[in-house]
Amino acid sequence: MLFDNHGRPITYLRLAVTDKCNLRCFYCMPEEGLDWLSRAELMSYEEMLRVCRVMVNMGIGKIRITGGEPFVRKDIMQLLTAIAGLDGLNELNITTNGVLTAPYVPELKKIGVRSVNLSLDTLDANRFFTITRRDEFSNVIAAMEAMLHHDMEVKINAVVMDGKNTQDILPLVELTKNLPVSVRFIEEMPFNGDGHVYDGLHWDYVRILDEIKAKYPQIKKLDDPANSTAYNYHIPGHKGSIGIIAAYSRTFCGTCNRIRITPQGQLKTCLYDDGVLNVRDLLRAGTEDDKLQNILRDAFKHRPKDGREAERARIAKTGIHESMATIGG
């Protein structure tokens, strides 16, 4: 197994396959989008597959494909099928906004993808348009229905934003009454990509839970799985469950088992760091697998203790206003 310098096991890779997205969620990127990476700047599928193979051989057992939006990248199923076939990989999951996902669901199920994180911040079509700046609500709901029809585990990720969608907290909770979904409420983070100053967190994990408890005082705490980023809950009589992710408060750093690779190959050992090395460049320089493993192990031995430490170092160097689309979620 892999361990970092704080004794935490590293078993989970989040691989962003593109920075492009077909939505323009205001908390993630500016309305006009970003300066998208060129094809040459992106890691190729061959490079991504090689990195995944090396890391699985080192002890990574779970890979999540993120973006941007993964399904805007051409021929994405070729990569997913290849990664799913890696010896030693226990779990391959995907995070998607759902806009293009529904037609792929049967094939995802066939290659062994059991769980999908679906980004959905509201159940109101008008608010969906306001938040995402795109009229795609019906396609997202169709994707959710397709996943449930094929008995996939569906986790709905909703970023809670003051003055934007707090009225959706309870309707989203209500989804868990009749559907076997996990609705996870996420604290807003300062990764909007437009450089404006983040004015602080108005809805932290405590306030979100209090909002739910006011309507559902019978809500019960569940045991959280090892390395869980969410505090998990269940309302008696409901088919699904609820999670609250303290992404900005960073209460889960002490058990963090995940690392990230951005679309251009930057290895991030913490969501809040500035990237510690470029894996793409190492591959293109002809680095052999054994040497790459040693370089990665060394990077893991210099991991920040938590997101606060990583954030301080990043602010001192470059600021923190990168888009979540370029980080990879």
Protein backbone atom coordinates (compact mmCIF):
# COMPACT_ATOMS: atom_id res chain seq x y z
CA MET A 1 0.00 0.00 0.00
CA LEU A 2 0.92 3.63 -0.49
CA PHE A 3 1.19 5.96 2.49
CA ASP A 4 1.89 9.67 2.73
CA ASN A 5 4.19 11.40 5.21
CA HIS A 6 1.32 11.60 7.75
CA GLY A 7 0.62 7.87 7.68
CA ARG A 8 -2.52 8.18 5.59
CA PRO A 9 -3.05 5.44 2.98
CA ILE A 10 -3.42 6.63 -0.63
CA THR A 11 -5.86 4.37 -2.45
CA TYR A 12 -8.01 6.69 -4.57
CA LEU A 13 -7.18 8.60 -7.77
CA ARG A 14 -9.43 11.28 -9.25
CA LEU A 15 -8.48 11.68 -12.91
CA ALA A 16 -9.80 14.70 -14.83
CA VAL A 17 -9.97 13.89 -18.52
CA THR A 18 -10.86 17.38 -19.79
CA ASP A 19 -11.25 20.96 -18.61
CA LYS A 20 -14.17 21.59 -20.99
CA CYS A 21 -17.76 21.62 -19.79
CA ASN A 22 -21.11 22.09 -21.49
CA LEU A 23 -22.51 24.00 -18.50
CA ARG A 24 -21.36 27.34 -17.08
CA CYS A 25 -22.15 26.99 -13.38
CA PHE A 26 -21.30 30.36 -11.87
CA TYR A 27 -19.51 28.84 -8.85
CA CYS A 28 -17.17 26.89 -11.12
CA MET A 29 -16.25 29.17 -14.03
CA PRO A 30 -17.02 32.52 -15.66
CA GLU A 31 -20.03 32.83 -17.99
CA GLU A 32 -17.83 33.07 -21.08
CA GLY A 33 -16.00 29.89 -20.10
CA LEU A 34 -12.25 29.49 -19.79
CA ASP A 35 -9.22 29.52 -22.04
CA TRP A 36 -9.58 25.84 -22.88
CA LEU A 37 -6.51 23.67 -23.08
CA SER A 38 -5.26 22.73 -26.53
CA ARG A 39 -5.13 19.07 -27.55
CA ALA A 40 -1.35 19.08 -27.10
CA GLU A 41 -1.69 20.36 -23.53
CA LEU A 42 -4.16 17.64 -22.58
CA MET A 43 -2.92 14.23 -21.58
CA SER A 44 -3.67 11.71 -24.30
CA TYR A 45 -5.77 8.65 -23.52
CA GLU A 46 -2.63 6.52 -23.84
CA GLU A 47 -0.87 8.68 -21.25
CA MET A 48 -3.85 8.58 -18.91
CA LEU A 49 -4.12 4.81 -19.19
CA ARG A 50 -0.41 4.41 -18.49
CA VAL A 51 -0.60 6.61 -15.40
CA CYS A 52 -3.61 4.67 -14.15
CA ARG A 53 -1.82 1.36 -14.72
CA VAL A 54 1.27 2.56 -12.85
CA MET A 55 -0.76 3.85 -9.93
CA VAL A 56 -2.90 0.72 -9.68
CA ASN A 57 0.32 -1.29 -9.54
CA MET A 58 1.42 0.99 -6.69
CA GLY A 59 -1.74 0.34 -4.66
CA ILE A 60 -4.49 2.62 -6.03
CA GLY A 61 -7.70 0.58 -5.90
CA LYS A 62 -10.30 3.18 -6.85
CA ILE A 63 -10.36 5.61 -9.77
CA ARG A 64 -12.95 8.29 -10.39
CA ILE A 65 -13.16 9.98 -13.79
CA THR A 66 -13.96 13.69 -13.58
CA GLY A 67 -13.68 16.85 -15.69
CA GLY A 68 -14.77 19.41 -16.68
CA GLU A 69 -17.48 17.15 -18.02
CA PRO A 70 -16.04 13.76 -19.00
CA PHE A 71 -18.57 13.05 -21.74
CA VAL A 72 -17.65 16.10 -23.80
CA ARG A 73 -14.32 14.43 -24.62
CA LYS A 74 -14.50 12.40 -27.82
CA ASP A 75 -14.43 8.60 -27.54
CA ILE A 76 -14.42 8.69 -23.74
CA MET A 77 -15.81 5.14 -23.57
CA GLN A 78 -12.60 3.81 -25.10
CA LEU A 79 -10.63 5.15 -22.14
CA LEU A 80 -13.20 4.04 -19.58
CA THR A 81 -13.29 0.51 -20.98
CA ALA A 82 -9.50 0.27 -20.92
CA ILE A 83 -9.23 1.55 -17.33
CA ALA A 84 -12.01 -0.78 -16.20
CA GLY A 85 -9.93 -3.71 -17.45
CA LEU A 86 -6.82 -2.91 -15.39
CA ASP A 87 -5.72 -5.80 -13.18
CA GLY A 88 -5.91 -4.80 -9.53
CA LEU A 89 -8.46 -2.01 -9.93
CA ASN A 90 -11.39 -2.58 -7.59
CA GLU A 91 -13.64 0.33 -8.47
CA LEU A 92 -14.17 2.73 -11.38
CA ASN A 93 -16.63 5.57 -10.89
CA ILE A 94 -17.58 8.75 -12.72
CA THR A 95 -18.66 12.27 -11.83
CA THR A 96 -20.85 13.90 -14.49
CA ASN A 97 -23.32 16.75 -14.91
CA GLY A 98 -25.65 14.36 -16.75
CA VAL A 99 -26.25 16.48 -19.85
CA LEU A 100 -24.81 13.89 -22.27
CA THR A 101 -24.76 10.85 -20.00
CA ALA A 102 -28.06 8.99 -20.48
CA PRO A 103 -27.15 7.21 -23.76
CA TYR A 104 -23.94 5.87 -22.20
CA VAL A 105 -25.54 4.36 -19.10
CA PRO A 106 -26.05 0.79 -20.44
CA GLU A 107 -22.43 0.63 -21.60
CA LEU A 108 -21.16 2.08 -18.32
CA LYS A 109 -23.04 -0.63 -16.49
CA LYS A 110 -21.63 -3.27 -18.82
CA ILE A 111 -17.97 -2.34 -18.19
CA GLY A 112 -18.51 -2.39 -14.43
CA VAL A 113 -19.16 1.21 -13.40
CA ARG A 114 -21.40 0.75 -10.38
CA SER A 115 -21.59 4.28 -8.98
CA VAL A 116 -22.06 7.69 -10.56
CA ASN A 117 -21.92 11.10 -8.92
CA LEU A 118 -24.46 13.36 -10.61
CA SER A 119 -24.06 17.12 -10.18
CA LEU A 120 -27.52 18.64 -9.59
CA ASP A 121 -27.89 21.77 -7.48
CA THR A 122 -31.65 22.25 -7.82
CA LEU A 123 -34.85 20.46 -8.81
CA ASP A 124 -36.32 23.65 -10.25
CA ALA A 125 -35.77 24.06 -14.01
CA ASN A 126 -35.66 27.86 -13.83
CA ARG A 127 -33.10 27.89 -11.03
CA PHE A 128 -31.12 25.25 -12.89
CA PHE A 129 -30.86 27.66 -15.82
CA THR A 130 -29.87 30.53 -13.52
CA ILE A 131 -27.11 28.48 -11.87
CA THR A 132 -25.76 26.68 -14.96
CA ARG A 133 -26.60 29.30 -17.63
CA ARG A 134 -27.81 26.43 -19.82
CA ASP A 135 -31.27 24.89 -20.46
CA GLU A 136 -30.35 21.25 -19.87
CA PHE A 137 -32.42 20.29 -16.81
CA SER A 138 -34.50 17.65 -18.61
CA ASN A 139 -31.38 15.86 -19.88
CA VAL A 140 -29.93 15.68 -16.37
CA ILE A 141 -33.13 14.19 -14.98
CA ALA A 142 -33.19 11.70 -17.86
CA ALA A 143 -29.65 10.64 -16.94
CA MET A 144 -30.65 10.09 -13.31
CA GLU A 145 -33.64 8.01 -14.36
CA ALA A 146 -31.50 5.91 -16.71
CA MET A 147 -28.97 5.20 -13.96
CA LEU A 148 -31.68 4.14 -11.53
CA HIS A 149 -33.32 1.98 -14.21
CA HIS A 150 -30.03 0.13 -14.61
CA ASP A 151 -29.65 -0.29 -10.83
CA MET A 152 -26.60 1.95 -10.55
CA GLU A 153 -25.70 3.68 -7.32
CA VAL A 154 -26.57 7.35 -7.77
CA LYS A 155 -25.06 10.07 -5.63
CA ILE A 156 -26.49 13.52 -6.27
CA ASN A 157 -24.00 16.31 -5.53
CA ALA A 158 -25.56 19.68 -4.69
CA VAL A 159 -23.40 22.71 -3.87
CA VAL A 160 -25.23 24.85 -1.31
CA MET A 161 -25.03 28.55 -2.21
CA ASP A 162 -26.41 31.39 -0.15
CA GLY A 163 -29.15 33.27 -2.01
CA LYS A 164 -29.09 30.83 -4.94
CA ASN A 165 -30.46 27.42 -4.01
CA THR A 166 -30.91 27.06 -0.27
CA GLN A 167 -34.64 26.67 -0.93
CA ASP A 168 -33.75 23.44 -2.73
CA ILE A 169 -32.26 21.71 0.31
CA LEU A 170 -35.54 20.22 1.51
CA PRO A 171 -36.88 19.25 -1.94
CA LEU A 172 -33.62 17.44 -2.61
CA VAL A 173 -33.90 15.68 0.75
CA GLU A 174 -37.43 14.66 -0.24
CA LEU A 175 -35.97 12.79 -3.24
CA THR A 176 -34.59 10.22 -0.81
CA LYS A 177 -38.10 9.29 0.34
CA ASN A 178 -39.01 7.24 -2.72
CA LEU A 179 -35.72 6.90 -4.61
CA PRO A 180 -32.63 4.89 -3.56
CA VAL A 181 -30.31 7.84 -4.06
CA SER A 182 -27.75 9.52 -1.83
CA VAL A 183 -28.17 13.30 -1.86
CA ARG A 184 -24.95 14.99 -0.76
CA PHE A 185 -24.87 18.67 0.11
CA ILE A 186 -21.47 20.28 -0.45
CA GLU A 187 -20.12 23.47 1.08
CA GLU A 188 -19.29 26.06 -1.58
CA MET A 189 -15.58 26.41 -2.36
CA PRO A 190 -13.55 29.34 -3.75
CA PHE A 191 -12.82 27.85 -7.19
CA ASN A 192 -14.84 29.93 -9.65
CA GLY A 193 -12.02 30.76 -12.04
CA ASP A 194 -12.82 34.47 -12.42
CA GLY A 195 -10.49 35.92 -9.81
CA HIS A 196 -13.10 37.55 -7.59
CA VAL A 197 -12.52 37.42 -3.86
CA TYR A 198 -14.40 34.66 -2.06
CA ASP A 199 -16.45 36.37 0.66
CA GLY A 200 -16.62 33.45 3.04
CA LEU A 201 -18.86 30.50 3.77
CA HIS A 202 -22.46 31.30 4.67
CA TRP A 203 -23.81 27.74 4.69
CA ASP A 204 -21.40 25.41 6.46
CA TYR A 205 -22.09 21.76 7.18
CA VAL A 206 -23.61 22.57 10.60
CA ARG A 207 -26.12 25.05 9.17
CA ILE A 208 -27.08 22.66 6.36
CA LEU A 209 -27.78 19.90 8.87
CA ASP A 210 -29.80 22.26 11.08
CA GLU A 211 -31.95 23.19 8.08
CA ILE A 212 -32.71 19.52 7.46
CA LYS A 213 -33.29 18.72 11.13
CA ALA A 214 -35.88 21.48 11.41
CA LYS A 215 -38.08 19.59 8.93
CA TYR A 216 -36.92 16.07 9.77
CA PRO A 217 -36.10 15.96 13.51
CA GLN A 218 -36.09 12.16 13.33
CA ILE A 219 -33.01 12.13 11.07
CA LYS A 220 -30.40 9.63 12.25
CA LYS A 221 -26.63 9.64 11.93
CA LEU A 222 -25.16 6.69 10.04
CA ASP A 223 -21.72 5.20 10.48
CA ASP A 224 -19.42 6.86 7.95
CA PRO A 225 -17.35 4.54 5.74
CA ALA A 226 -13.59 4.68 6.10
CA ASN A 227 -12.11 7.75 4.35
CA SER A 228 -15.57 9.21 3.78
CA THR A 229 -15.70 12.91 2.88
CA ALA A 230 -19.36 13.07 3.94
CA TYR A 231 -21.21 12.95 7.21
CA ASN A 232 -23.97 10.46 6.40
CA TYR A 233 -27.57 10.42 7.61
CA HIS A 234 -30.85 8.59 7.05
CA ILE A 235 -34.45 9.61 7.62
CA PRO A 236 -36.52 6.65 8.87
CA GLY A 237 -38.88 5.42 6.17
CA HIS A 238 -36.83 6.89 3.30
CA LYS A 239 -35.25 4.65 0.65
CA GLY A 240 -32.21 6.85 0.16
CA SER A 241 -29.71 8.64 2.36
CA ILE A 242 -28.20 12.08 2.90
CA GLY A 243 -24.61 13.22 3.06
CA ILE A 244 -23.08 16.56 4.01
CA ILE A 245 -19.57 17.27 2.73
CA ALA A 246 -17.55 19.87 4.62
CA ALA A 247 -15.47 20.73 1.55
CA TYR A 248 -14.55 24.23 2.71
CA SER A 249 -14.44 23.48 6.45
CA ARG A 250 -12.15 20.54 5.62
CA THR A 251 -13.03 18.37 8.59
CA PHE A 252 -12.07 15.15 6.76
CA CYS A 253 -8.43 15.95 5.91
CA GLY A 254 -7.09 13.63 8.60
CA THR A 255 -8.39 10.56 6.75
CA CYS A 256 -7.97 11.77 3.15
CA ASN A 257 -6.94 8.91 0.88
CA ARG A 258 -7.28 10.67 -2.51
CA ILE A 259 -5.02 12.37 -4.99
CA ARG A 260 -5.86 14.18 -8.24
CA ILE A 261 -4.44 14.48 -11.71
CA THR A 262 -5.62 17.43 -13.77
CA PRO A 263 -6.31 17.27 -17.54
CA GLN A 264 -2.84 18.65 -18.29
CA GLY A 265 -1.16 16.12 -16.01
CA GLN A 266 -0.60 18.10 -12.82
CA LEU A 267 -0.49 15.86 -9.78
CA LYS A 268 -2.33 17.42 -6.84
CA THR A 269 -1.91 15.72 -3.49
CA CYS A 270 -4.54 18.08 -2.04
CA LEU A 271 -7.51 19.83 -3.65
CA TYR A 272 -6.17 23.13 -2.33
CA ASP A 273 -2.56 22.81 -3.45
CA ASP A 274 -0.96 24.27 -6.58
CA GLY A 275 0.11 20.97 -8.11
CA VAL A 276 3.33 19.25 -7.10
CA LEU A 277 4.61 17.84 -10.40
CA ASN A 278 3.54 17.30 -14.01
CA VAL A 279 3.09 13.63 -14.84
CA ARG A 280 2.41 14.36 -18.52
CA ASP A 281 5.80 16.01 -18.92
CA LEU A 282 7.53 13.09 -17.23
CA LEU A 283 5.91 10.63 -19.62
CA ARG A 284 6.77 12.72 -22.66
CA ALA A 285 10.38 12.96 -21.47
CA GLY A 286 10.61 9.18 -21.65
CA THR A 287 10.45 8.40 -17.93
CA GLU A 288 10.28 4.65 -17.33
CA ASP A 289 7.60 3.17 -15.08
CA ASP A 290 9.99 2.28 -12.23
CA LYS A 291 11.38 5.81 -12.11
CA LEU A 292 7.89 7.30 -12.35
CA GLN A 293 6.82 5.24 -9.35
CA ASN A 294 9.78 6.54 -7.33
CA ILE A 295 8.99 10.15 -8.28
CA LEU A 296 5.35 9.67 -7.26
CA ARG A 297 6.28 8.06 -3.95
CA ASP A 298 8.54 11.01 -3.18
CA ALA A 299 5.72 13.45 -3.95
CA PHE A 300 3.39 11.57 -1.61
CA LYS A 301 5.99 11.92 1.15
CA HIS A 302 5.71 15.72 0.99
CA ARG A 303 1.92 15.99 1.25
CA PRO A 304 0.35 18.87 3.22
CA LYS A 305 -1.10 17.94 6.59
CA ASP A 306 -4.46 19.37 5.56
CA GLY A 307 -6.23 21.73 3.17
CA ARG A 308 -5.43 24.76 5.31
CA GLU A 309 -1.71 24.19 5.02
CA ALA A 310 -2.01 23.60 1.28
CA GLU A 311 -4.15 26.71 0.84
CA ARG A 312 -1.68 28.93 2.69
CA ALA A 313 1.16 27.73 0.47
CA ARG A 314 -0.90 28.26 -2.66
CA ILE A 315 -2.03 31.76 -1.75
CA ALA A 316 1.56 32.74 -1.01
CA LYS A 317 2.58 31.51 -4.45
CA THR A 318 -0.21 32.19 -6.95
CA GLY A 319 -3.58 32.92 -5.31
CA ILE A 320 -6.46 30.43 -5.27
CA HIS A 321 -8.87 31.49 -7.99
CA GLU A 322 -8.49 28.51 -10.30
CA SER A 323 -11.62 26.97 -11.80
CA MET A 324 -12.85 23.67 -10.44
CA ALA A 325 -13.05 22.56 -14.09
CA THR A 326 -9.26 22.73 -14.40
CA ILE A 327 -8.71 21.05 -11.02
CA GLY A 328 -10.93 18.07 -11.59
CA GLY A 329 -13.36 18.17 -8.68
